[in-house]
């Protein structure tokens, strides 16, 4: 009998607090190995054999690498790309990944890539569709798989579930893991006027393996998920809330644009560790002790 994901999670390693690997910060990232526990990479940058990106990643061999995809398009009606899965399976083996992830969304239609994470209708029909596709993916790639909650800015037509019901039903029926982005929860809660703590309380938190945390900005009456700003206090509060409610294996700081001085990112990593030290100390790994830094 296949082991359930919740049981499997108990055997996954605790990786601590990591950083998204970006070319603009590569040299400084590698130089600060003592303050970064692991790296998450955008999978699609490394799927081509002999690519310059893959050679660049070899410099980061001292880190545990966690692949995070953007092109699986699990919600699409297009057929799942078997060549893509084969390349992904090979990459996961190359970096000895304990798990991998992608987004609960679709990124392509009629064979074309849309270069964006498009939300799905929160419907039972969509749940069944995604669940079947996740099961197909898991049959071909046996490495534990996580789905991440995304941000969206318009209510999707044809919805008969709430967002939290949709996410919960997908991951439970597919028996996969959840990559919980607490910044995405906060952004959506502000744009659609709901309580982010109550949202989190309704999730199957026992399936959360990894957390993403990032910054956002407000533009007029809309909060935008930018991955290009400092983490706000309400988002740190959500992180602490999750850590008090369930055990997780890793926390990842995302920064994709408007890169600050690297010391500012180290301060954020330190603050994340301080939150973890109070709520879930096992995430503060030996050798990467707390640094006496505070976010300005």
C-alpha atoms as a PDB file:
ATOM      1  CA  UNK A   1       0.000   0.000   0.000  1.00  0.00           C
ATOM      2  CA  UNK A   2       1.281   3.464  -0.886  1.00  0.00           C
ATOM      3  CA  UNK A   3       2.403   5.513   2.125  1.00  0.00           C
ATOM      4  CA  UNK A   4       0.236   8.577   2.734  1.00  0.00           C
ATOM      5  CA  UNK A   5       1.857  11.963   2.295  1.00  0.00           C
ATOM      6  CA  UNK A   6       1.356  12.913   5.945  1.00  0.00           C
ATOM      7  CA  UNK A   7       3.279   9.800   7.016  1.00  0.00           C
ATOM      8  CA  UNK A   8       5.929  10.468   4.386  1.00  0.00           C
ATOM      9  CA  UNK A   9       6.398  14.024   5.664  1.00  0.00           C
ATOM     10  CA  UNK A  10       7.617  12.669   9.005  1.00  0.00           C
ATOM     11  CA  UNK A  11      10.652  11.204   7.227  1.00  0.00           C
ATOM     12  CA  UNK A  12      11.592  14.342   5.295  1.00  0.00           C
ATOM     13  CA  UNK A  13      14.662  16.297   6.444  1.00  0.00           C
ATOM     14  CA  UNK A  14      14.443  19.566   8.351  1.00  0.00           C
ATOM     15  CA  UNK A  15      16.326  22.082   6.198  1.00  0.00           C
ATOM     16  CA  UNK A  16      15.998  25.252   8.255  1.00  0.00           C
ATOM     17  CA  UNK A  17      15.863  28.729   6.676  1.00  0.00           C
ATOM     18  CA  UNK A  18      16.906  29.189   3.054  1.00  0.00           C
ATOM     19  CA  UNK A  19      17.072  31.688   0.223  1.00  0.00           C
ATOM     20  CA  UNK A  20      15.893  31.678  -3.358  1.00  0.00           C
ATOM     21  CA  UNK A  21      18.950  31.333  -5.630  1.00  0.00           C
ATOM     22  CA  UNK A  22      19.121  34.197  -8.126  1.00  0.00           C
ATOM     23  CA  UNK A  23      21.938  34.966 -10.572  1.00  0.00           C
ATOM     24  CA  UNK A  24      22.102  38.594  -9.444  1.00  0.00           C
ATOM     25  CA  UNK A  25      22.985  37.439  -5.926  1.00  0.00           C
ATOM     26  CA  UNK A  26      24.823  34.195  -6.722  1.00  0.00           C
ATOM     27  CA  UNK A  27      28.331  35.208  -5.655  1.00  0.00           C
ATOM     28  CA  UNK A  28      27.197  36.730  -2.363  1.00  0.00           C
ATOM     29  CA  UNK A  29      24.860  33.825  -1.674  1.00  0.00           C
ATOM     30  CA  UNK A  30      27.645  31.271  -1.974  1.00  0.00           C
ATOM     31  CA  UNK A  31      29.955  33.438   0.135  1.00  0.00           C
ATOM     32  CA  UNK A  32      27.469  33.404   3.042  1.00  0.00           C
ATOM     33  CA  UNK A  33      27.022  29.662   3.413  1.00  0.00           C
ATOM     34  CA  UNK A  34      27.176  30.030   7.199  1.00  0.00           C
ATOM     35  CA  UNK A  35      23.930  32.049   7.262  1.00  0.00           C
ATOM     36  CA  UNK A  36      21.893  30.240   4.576  1.00  0.00           C
ATOM     37  CA  UNK A  37      20.701  26.683   5.217  1.00  0.00           C
ATOM     38  CA  UNK A  38      19.508  25.699   1.737  1.00  0.00           C
ATOM     39  CA  UNK A  39      18.736  27.126  -1.697  1.00  0.00           C
ATOM     40  CA  UNK A  40      15.576  26.936  -3.760  1.00  0.00           C
ATOM     41  CA  UNK A  41      16.009  27.200  -7.536  1.00  0.00           C
ATOM     42  CA  UNK A  42      13.585  27.768 -10.407  1.00  0.00           C
ATOM     43  CA  UNK A  43      13.612  24.279 -11.899  1.00  0.00           C
ATOM     44  CA  UNK A  44      13.158  25.275 -15.527  1.00  0.00           C
ATOM     45  CA  UNK A  45      16.485  27.124 -15.556  1.00  0.00           C
ATOM     46  CA  UNK A  46      18.341  23.833 -15.121  1.00  0.00           C
ATOM     47  CA  UNK A  47      16.519  21.200 -17.149  1.00  0.00           C
ATOM     48  CA  UNK A  48      18.671  21.471 -20.295  1.00  0.00           C
ATOM     49  CA  UNK A  49      21.755  19.258 -20.314  1.00  0.00           C
ATOM     50  CA  UNK A  50      24.986  21.231 -20.439  1.00  0.00           C
ATOM     51  CA  UNK A  51      23.275  24.580 -19.916  1.00  0.00           C
ATOM     52  CA  UNK A  52      25.269  27.536 -18.594  1.00  0.00           C
ATOM     53  CA  UNK A  53      22.823  27.725 -15.708  1.00  0.00           C
ATOM     54  CA  UNK A  54      23.538  24.144 -14.710  1.00  0.00           C
ATOM     55  CA  UNK A  55      27.268  24.860 -14.712  1.00  0.00           C
ATOM     56  CA  UNK A  56      26.620  27.917 -12.548  1.00  0.00           C
ATOM     57  CA  UNK A  57      24.652  25.815 -10.078  1.00  0.00           C
ATOM     58  CA  UNK A  58      27.647  23.556  -9.564  1.00  0.00           C
ATOM     59  CA  UNK A  59      29.217  26.410  -7.574  1.00  0.00           C
ATOM     60  CA  UNK A  60      26.407  25.943  -5.039  1.00  0.00           C
ATOM     61  CA  UNK A  61      27.151  22.253  -4.442  1.00  0.00           C
ATOM     62  CA  UNK A  62      27.598  22.822  -0.686  1.00  0.00           C
ATOM     63  CA  UNK A  63      23.890  23.662  -0.332  1.00  0.00           C
ATOM     64  CA  UNK A  64      20.878  21.382  -0.377  1.00  0.00           C
ATOM     65  CA  UNK A  65      18.977  22.370  -3.530  1.00  0.00           C
ATOM     66  CA  UNK A  66      15.163  22.417  -3.616  1.00  0.00           C
ATOM     67  CA  UNK A  67      13.602  22.674  -7.118  1.00  0.00           C
ATOM     68  CA  UNK A  68      10.571  24.941  -7.483  1.00  0.00           C
ATOM     69  CA  UNK A  69       8.813  24.870 -10.845  1.00  0.00           C
ATOM     70  CA  UNK A  70       6.801  27.458 -12.736  1.00  0.00           C
ATOM     71  CA  UNK A  71       5.808  25.580 -15.915  1.00  0.00           C
ATOM     72  CA  UNK A  72       4.155  22.339 -14.832  1.00  0.00           C
ATOM     73  CA  UNK A  73       0.789  24.051 -15.401  1.00  0.00           C
ATOM     74  CA  UNK A  74      -1.043  21.551 -13.239  1.00  0.00           C
ATOM     75  CA  UNK A  75      -4.383  23.277 -13.849  1.00  0.00           C
ATOM     76  CA  UNK A  76      -4.180  23.362 -17.644  1.00  0.00           C
ATOM     77  CA  UNK A  77      -6.434  21.324 -19.906  1.00  0.00           C
ATOM     78  CA  UNK A  78      -3.432  20.644 -22.158  1.00  0.00           C
ATOM     79  CA  UNK A  79      -1.911  17.179 -21.807  1.00  0.00           C
ATOM     80  CA  UNK A  80       0.864  16.914 -19.246  1.00  0.00           C
ATOM     81  CA  UNK A  81       4.210  17.166 -21.033  1.00  0.00           C
ATOM     82  CA  UNK A  82       5.892  13.778 -20.543  1.00  0.00           C
ATOM     83  CA  UNK A  83       9.237  15.137 -21.800  1.00  0.00           C
ATOM     84  CA  UNK A  84       9.075  17.895 -19.183  1.00  0.00           C
ATOM     85  CA  UNK A  85       8.441  15.319 -16.461  1.00  0.00           C
ATOM     86  CA  UNK A  86      11.361  13.202 -17.673  1.00  0.00           C
ATOM     87  CA  UNK A  87      13.697  16.210 -17.551  1.00  0.00           C
ATOM     88  CA  UNK A  88      12.385  17.150 -14.119  1.00  0.00           C
ATOM     89  CA  UNK A  89      12.874  13.630 -12.817  1.00  0.00           C
ATOM     90  CA  UNK A  90      16.489  13.679 -13.989  1.00  0.00           C
ATOM     91  CA  UNK A  91      17.126  17.087 -12.382  1.00  0.00           C
ATOM     92  CA  UNK A  92      15.619  15.995  -9.071  1.00  0.00           C
ATOM     93  CA  UNK A  93      18.005  13.046  -9.066  1.00  0.00           C
ATOM     94  CA  UNK A  94      20.977  15.261  -9.955  1.00  0.00           C
ATOM     95  CA  UNK A  95      20.445  17.498  -6.923  1.00  0.00           C
ATOM     96  CA  UNK A  96      19.182  14.714  -4.645  1.00  0.00           C
ATOM     97  CA  UNK A  97      16.041  16.724  -3.900  1.00  0.00           C
ATOM     98  CA  UNK A  98      14.013  15.568  -0.885  1.00  0.00           C
ATOM     99  CA  UNK A  99      10.926  17.231  -2.416  1.00  0.00           C
ATOM    100  CA  UNK A 100       9.903  19.551  -5.242  1.00  0.00           C
ATOM    101  CA  UNK A 101       7.063  21.978  -5.875  1.00  0.00           C
ATOM    102  CA  UNK A 102       5.035  23.974  -8.351  1.00  0.00           C
ATOM    103  CA  UNK A 103       1.991  26.249  -8.267  1.00  0.00           C
ATOM    104  CA  UNK A 104      -1.721  25.523  -7.973  1.00  0.00           C
ATOM    105  CA  UNK A 105      -2.494  27.364 -11.204  1.00  0.00           C
ATOM    106  CA  UNK A 106      -2.088  27.029 -14.938  1.00  0.00           C
ATOM    107  CA  UNK A 107       0.580  28.682 -17.069  1.00  0.00           C
ATOM    108  CA  UNK A 108      -0.266  27.463 -20.547  1.00  0.00           C
ATOM    109  CA  UNK A 109      -3.147  26.928 -22.958  1.00  0.00           C
ATOM    110  CA  UNK A 110      -3.328  25.379 -26.431  1.00  0.00           C
ATOM    111  CA  UNK A 111       0.394  24.703 -26.346  1.00  0.00           C
ATOM    112  CA  UNK A 112       1.359  28.298 -25.567  1.00  0.00           C
ATOM    113  CA  UNK A 113       3.098  29.493 -22.402  1.00  0.00           C
ATOM    114  CA  UNK A 114       1.408  32.508 -20.821  1.00  0.00           C
ATOM    115  CA  UNK A 115       4.394  33.548 -18.649  1.00  0.00           C
ATOM    116  CA  UNK A 116       2.099  34.077 -15.696  1.00  0.00           C
ATOM    117  CA  UNK A 117       0.427  32.089 -12.918  1.00  0.00           C
ATOM    118  CA  UNK A 118      -3.268  32.046 -13.856  1.00  0.00           C
ATOM    119  CA  UNK A 119      -5.758  31.158 -11.096  1.00  0.00           C
ATOM    120  CA  UNK A 120      -8.280  28.401 -11.605  1.00  0.00           C
ATOM    121  CA  UNK A 121     -11.985  28.544 -10.789  1.00  0.00           C
ATOM    122  CA  UNK A 122     -12.553  27.386  -7.238  1.00  0.00           C
ATOM    123  CA  UNK A 123     -14.910  24.614  -8.301  1.00  0.00           C
ATOM    124  CA  UNK A 124     -15.314  20.909  -7.594  1.00  0.00           C
ATOM    125  CA  UNK A 125     -14.862  20.218 -11.295  1.00  0.00           C
ATOM    126  CA  UNK A 126     -11.478  21.979 -11.136  1.00  0.00           C
ATOM    127  CA  UNK A 127     -10.591  20.039  -7.970  1.00  0.00           C
ATOM    128  CA  UNK A 128     -11.209  16.716  -9.723  1.00  0.00           C
ATOM    129  CA  UNK A 129      -9.251  17.875 -12.776  1.00  0.00           C
ATOM    130  CA  UNK A 130      -6.179  18.913 -10.776  1.00  0.00           C
ATOM    131  CA  UNK A 131      -6.298  15.882  -8.496  1.00  0.00           C
ATOM    132  CA  UNK A 132      -6.136  13.515 -11.478  1.00  0.00           C
ATOM    133  CA  UNK A 133      -3.205  15.424 -12.947  1.00  0.00           C
ATOM    134  CA  UNK A 134      -1.305  15.504  -9.647  1.00  0.00           C
ATOM    135  CA  UNK A 135      -1.737  11.747  -9.333  1.00  0.00           C
ATOM    136  CA  UNK A 136      -0.330  11.314 -12.841  1.00  0.00           C
ATOM    137  CA  UNK A 137       2.667  13.461 -11.949  1.00  0.00           C
ATOM    138  CA  UNK A 138       3.268  11.563  -8.719  1.00  0.00           C
ATOM    139  CA  UNK A 139       3.132   8.224 -10.522  1.00  0.00           C
ATOM    140  CA  UNK A 140       5.902   9.355 -12.878  1.00  0.00           C
ATOM    141  CA  UNK A 141       7.980  11.243 -10.303  1.00  0.00           C
ATOM    142  CA  UNK A 142       8.054   9.571  -6.916  1.00  0.00           C
ATOM    143  CA  UNK A 143       9.839  12.441  -5.137  1.00  0.00           C
ATOM    144  CA  UNK A 144       7.357  14.104  -2.713  1.00  0.00           C
ATOM    145  CA  UNK A 145       5.440  16.876  -4.493  1.00  0.00           C
ATOM    146  CA  UNK A 146       4.055  20.128  -3.061  1.00  0.00           C
ATOM    147  CA  UNK A 147       1.570  22.631  -4.483  1.00  0.00           C
ATOM    148  CA  UNK A 148       1.847  26.331  -3.654  1.00  0.00           C
ATOM    149  CA  UNK A 149      -1.063  28.733  -3.113  1.00  0.00           C
ATOM    150  CA  UNK A 150      -0.846  31.726  -5.464  1.00  0.00           C
ATOM    151  CA  UNK A 151      -1.983  35.345  -5.489  1.00  0.00           C
ATOM    152  CA  UNK A 152      -4.771  36.506  -7.796  1.00  0.00           C
ATOM    153  CA  UNK A 153      -6.495  39.826  -8.402  1.00  0.00           C
ATOM    154  CA  UNK A 154      -9.875  38.968  -9.914  1.00  0.00           C
ATOM    155  CA  UNK A 155     -12.441  36.499  -8.643  1.00  0.00           C
ATOM    156  CA  UNK A 156     -12.530  33.567 -11.019  1.00  0.00           C
ATOM    157  CA  UNK A 157     -15.913  32.830 -12.622  1.00  0.00           C
ATOM    158  CA  UNK A 158     -17.540  29.448 -12.106  1.00  0.00           C
ATOM    159  CA  UNK A 159     -16.464  29.070  -8.485  1.00  0.00           C
ATOM    160  CA  UNK A 160     -18.629  27.161  -6.026  1.00  0.00           C
ATOM    161  CA  UNK A 161     -15.935  26.825  -3.319  1.00  0.00           C
ATOM    162  CA  UNK A 162     -13.941  29.319  -1.322  1.00  0.00           C
ATOM    163  CA  UNK A 163     -10.219  29.598  -2.007  1.00  0.00           C
ATOM    164  CA  UNK A 164      -9.297  27.760   1.175  1.00  0.00           C
ATOM    165  CA  UNK A 165     -11.798  24.971   0.430  1.00  0.00           C
ATOM    166  CA  UNK A 166     -10.367  24.618  -3.066  1.00  0.00           C
ATOM    167  CA  UNK A 167      -6.754  24.370  -1.886  1.00  0.00           C
ATOM    168  CA  UNK A 168      -7.663  21.972   0.911  1.00  0.00           C
ATOM    169  CA  UNK A 169      -9.680  19.612  -1.265  1.00  0.00           C
ATOM    170  CA  UNK A 170      -6.968  19.467  -3.930  1.00  0.00           C
ATOM    171  CA  UNK A 171      -4.086  18.574  -1.635  1.00  0.00           C
ATOM    172  CA  UNK A 172      -6.130  16.142   0.456  1.00  0.00           C
ATOM    173  CA  UNK A 173      -7.714  14.281  -2.459  1.00  0.00           C
ATOM    174  CA  UNK A 174      -4.445  14.210  -4.418  1.00  0.00           C
ATOM    175  CA  UNK A 175      -2.565  13.243  -1.230  1.00  0.00           C
ATOM    176  CA  UNK A 176       0.260  15.685  -1.909  1.00  0.00           C
ATOM    177  CA  UNK A 177       1.998  18.338   0.160  1.00  0.00           C
ATOM    178  CA  UNK A 178       1.381  22.044   0.584  1.00  0.00           C
ATOM    179  CA  UNK A 179       3.938  24.783   0.066  1.00  0.00           C
ATOM    180  CA  UNK A 180       2.297  27.555   2.058  1.00  0.00           C
ATOM    181  CA  UNK A 181       3.182  31.075   0.943  1.00  0.00           C
ATOM    182  CA  UNK A 182       2.206  33.263   3.893  1.00  0.00           C
ATOM    183  CA  UNK A 183       2.759  36.471   1.939  1.00  0.00           C
ATOM    184  CA  UNK A 184       0.342  35.244  -0.735  1.00  0.00           C
ATOM    185  CA  UNK A 185      -2.242  34.556   1.963  1.00  0.00           C
ATOM    186  CA  UNK A 186      -1.799  38.072   3.329  1.00  0.00           C
ATOM    187  CA  UNK A 187      -1.978  39.734  -0.111  1.00  0.00           C
ATOM    188  CA  UNK A 188      -5.170  37.889  -1.051  1.00  0.00           C
ATOM    189  CA  UNK A 189      -6.711  38.601   2.354  1.00  0.00           C
ATOM    190  CA  UNK A 190      -6.190  42.329   1.868  1.00  0.00           C
ATOM    191  CA  UNK A 191      -7.516  42.364  -1.675  1.00  0.00           C
ATOM    192  CA  UNK A 192     -10.552  40.185  -0.932  1.00  0.00           C
ATOM    193  CA  UNK A 193     -11.249  41.275   2.638  1.00  0.00           C
ATOM    194  CA  UNK A 194     -10.898  38.115   4.691  1.00  0.00           C
ATOM    195  CA  UNK A 195      -9.073  37.171   7.892  1.00  0.00           C
ATOM    196  CA  UNK A 196      -5.713  35.588   6.962  1.00  0.00           C
ATOM    197  CA  UNK A 197      -5.399  33.825  10.308  1.00  0.00           C
ATOM    198  CA  UNK A 198      -8.795  32.182   9.925  1.00  0.00           C
ATOM    199  CA  UNK A 199      -7.825  31.202   6.362  1.00  0.00           C
ATOM    200  CA  UNK A 200      -4.706  29.463   7.659  1.00  0.00           C
ATOM    201  CA  UNK A 201      -6.677  27.774  10.435  1.00  0.00           C
ATOM    202  CA  UNK A 202      -8.889  26.095   7.819  1.00  0.00           C
ATOM    203  CA  UNK A 203      -6.005  24.620   5.810  1.00  0.00           C
ATOM    204  CA  UNK A 204      -4.779  21.016   6.277  1.00  0.00           C
ATOM    205  CA  UNK A 205      -1.627  22.304   7.951  1.00  0.00           C
ATOM    206  CA  UNK A 206      -0.310  18.803   8.586  1.00  0.00           C
ATOM    207  CA  UNK A 207       0.543  18.785   4.858  1.00  0.00           C
ATOM    208  CA  UNK A 208       2.729  21.912   4.976  1.00  0.00           C
ATOM    209  CA  UNK A 209       6.351  20.946   4.318  1.00  0.00           C
ATOM    210  CA  UNK A 210       7.747  24.308   3.260  1.00  0.00           C
ATOM    211  CA  UNK A 211       6.825  27.957   3.773  1.00  0.00           C
ATOM    212  CA  UNK A 212       7.525  30.845   1.417  1.00  0.00           C
ATOM    213  CA  UNK A 213       7.811  34.340   2.818  1.00  0.00           C
ATOM    214  CA  UNK A 214       8.344  37.529   0.822  1.00  0.00           C
ATOM    215  CA  UNK A 215       7.536  41.211   0.530  1.00  0.00           C
ATOM    216  CA  UNK A 216       4.720  43.104  -1.175  1.00  0.00           C
ATOM    217  CA  UNK A 217       3.677  46.672  -1.871  1.00  0.00           C
ATOM    218  CA  UNK A 218       0.439  48.606  -1.999  1.00  0.00           C
ATOM    219  CA  UNK A 219      -0.561  50.431  -5.161  1.00  0.00           C
ATOM    220  CA  UNK A 220      -3.677  52.556  -4.817  1.00  0.00           C
ATOM    221  CA  UNK A 221      -6.250  50.168  -3.308  1.00  0.00           C
ATOM    222  CA  UNK A 222      -4.510  46.951  -4.375  1.00  0.00           C
ATOM    223  CA  UNK A 223      -1.786  45.005  -2.569  1.00  0.00           C
ATOM    224  CA  UNK A 224       0.689  43.520  -5.058  1.00  0.00           C
ATOM    225  CA  UNK A 225       2.790  40.404  -4.562  1.00  0.00           C
ATOM    226  CA  UNK A 226       6.124  41.772  -5.803  1.00  0.00           C
ATOM    227  CA  UNK A 227       8.851  39.645  -4.171  1.00  0.00           C
ATOM    228  CA  UNK A 228      10.706  42.921  -4.283  1.00  0.00           C
ATOM    229  CA  UNK A 229      10.290  44.495  -0.849  1.00  0.00           C
ATOM    230  CA  UNK A 230      11.030  43.846   2.815  1.00  0.00           C
ATOM    231  CA  UNK A 231       8.804  41.440   4.695  1.00  0.00           C
ATOM    232  CA  UNK A 232       6.112  43.275   6.638  1.00  0.00           C
ATOM    233  CA  UNK A 233       5.211  42.661  10.273  1.00  0.00           C
ATOM    234  CA  UNK A 234       1.752  41.204   9.472  1.00  0.00           C
ATOM    235  CA  UNK A 235       3.433  38.582   7.299  1.00  0.00           C
ATOM    236  CA  UNK A 236       5.932  37.727  10.045  1.00  0.00           C
ATOM    237  CA  UNK A 237       2.920  37.368  12.359  1.00  0.00           C
ATOM    238  CA  UNK A 238       1.341  34.875   9.947  1.00  0.00           C
ATOM    239  CA  UNK A 239       4.601  32.935   9.800  1.00  0.00           C
ATOM    240  CA  UNK A 240       4.705  32.687  13.595  1.00  0.00           C
ATOM    241  CA  UNK A 241       1.070  31.582  13.648  1.00  0.00           C
ATOM    242  CA  UNK A 242       1.711  28.711  11.217  1.00  0.00           C
ATOM    243  CA  UNK A 243       4.822  27.591  13.098  1.00  0.00           C
ATOM    244  CA  UNK A 244       2.881  27.472  16.353  1.00  0.00           C
ATOM    245  CA  UNK A 245       0.190  25.306  14.782  1.00  0.00           C
ATOM    246  CA  UNK A 246       2.167  22.707  12.831  1.00  0.00           C
ATOM    247  CA  UNK A 247       5.653  21.382  12.233  1.00  0.00           C
ATOM    248  CA  UNK A 248       7.313  22.376   8.961  1.00  0.00           C
ATOM    249  CA  UNK A 249      10.605  21.358   7.367  1.00  0.00           C
ATOM    250  CA  UNK A 250      11.809  24.564   5.743  1.00  0.00           C
ATOM    251  CA  UNK A 251      11.225  28.316   5.386  1.00  0.00           C
ATOM    252  CA  UNK A 252      12.282  30.097   2.206  1.00  0.00           C
ATOM    253  CA  UNK A 253      12.897  33.825   1.750  1.00  0.00           C
ATOM    254  CA  UNK A 254      11.988  34.897  -1.791  1.00  0.00           C
ATOM    255  CA  UNK A 255      13.395  37.980  -3.493  1.00  0.00           C
ATOM    256  CA  UNK A 256      13.051  38.327  -7.273  1.00  0.00           C
ATOM    257  CA  UNK A 257      13.596  42.032  -7.992  1.00  0.00           C
ATOM    258  CA  UNK A 258      14.785  45.330  -6.510  1.00  0.00           C
ATOM    259  CA  UNK A 259      17.634  43.486  -4.833  1.00  0.00           C
ATOM    260  CA  UNK A 260      18.906  45.317  -1.752  1.00  0.00           C
ATOM    261  CA  UNK A 261      22.380  45.135  -0.302  1.00  0.00           C
ATOM    262  CA  UNK A 262      22.952  41.525   0.632  1.00  0.00           C
ATOM    263  CA  UNK A 263      23.269  42.412   4.303  1.00  0.00           C
ATOM    264  CA  UNK A 264      19.581  43.412   4.257  1.00  0.00           C
ATOM    265  CA  UNK A 265      18.655  39.897   3.139  1.00  0.00           C
ATOM    266  CA  UNK A 266      20.849  38.424   5.853  1.00  0.00           C
ATOM    267  CA  UNK A 267      18.962  40.562   8.373  1.00  0.00           C
ATOM    268  CA  UNK A 268      15.663  39.177   7.106  1.00  0.00           C
ATOM    269  CA  UNK A 269      16.981  35.615   7.324  1.00  0.00           C
ATOM    270  CA  UNK A 270      18.029  36.331  10.891  1.00  0.00           C
ATOM    271  CA  UNK A 271      14.603  37.729  11.757  1.00  0.00           C
ATOM    272  CA  UNK A 272      12.944  34.631  10.253  1.00  0.00           C
ATOM    273  CA  UNK A 273      15.181  32.480  12.460  1.00  0.00           C
ATOM    274  CA  UNK A 274      14.223  34.546  15.492  1.00  0.00           C
ATOM    275  CA  UNK A 275      10.542  33.907  14.754  1.00  0.00           C
ATOM    276  CA  UNK A 276      11.301  30.197  14.286  1.00  0.00           C
ATOM    277  CA  UNK A 277      13.355  30.054  17.495  1.00  0.00           C
ATOM    278  CA  UNK A 278      10.325  31.156  19.490  1.00  0.00           C
ATOM    279  CA  UNK A 279       7.674  29.133  17.670  1.00  0.00           C
ATOM    280  CA  UNK A 280       9.519  26.062  16.335  1.00  0.00           C
ATOM    281  CA  UNK A 281      13.158  25.863  17.468  1.00  0.00           C
ATOM    282  CA  UNK A 282      14.025  22.786  15.396  1.00  0.00           C
ATOM    283  CA  UNK A 283      14.211  25.071  12.341  1.00  0.00           C
ATOM    284  CA  UNK A 284      17.270  26.851  13.766  1.00  0.00           C
ATOM    285  CA  UNK A 285      19.932  24.389  12.674  1.00  0.00           C
ATOM    286  CA  UNK A 286      23.190  23.756  14.551  1.00  0.00           C
ATOM    287  CA  UNK A 287      26.041  25.696  12.975  1.00  0.00           C
ATOM    288  CA  UNK A 288      23.727  28.410  11.681  1.00  0.00           C
ATOM    289  CA  UNK A 289      23.016  30.045  15.012  1.00  0.00           C
ATOM    290  CA  UNK A 290      21.113  33.273  15.354  1.00  0.00           C
ATOM    291  CA  UNK A 291      22.968  36.348  14.170  1.00  0.00           C
ATOM    292  CA  UNK A 292      22.458  39.529  16.221  1.00  0.00           C
ATOM    293  CA  UNK A 293      20.796  41.453  13.398  1.00  0.00           C
ATOM    294  CA  UNK A 294      17.454  43.225  13.300  1.00  0.00           C
ATOM    295  CA  UNK A 295      15.420  44.371  10.330  1.00  0.00           C
ATOM    296  CA  UNK A 296      15.547  48.151  10.157  1.00  0.00           C
END
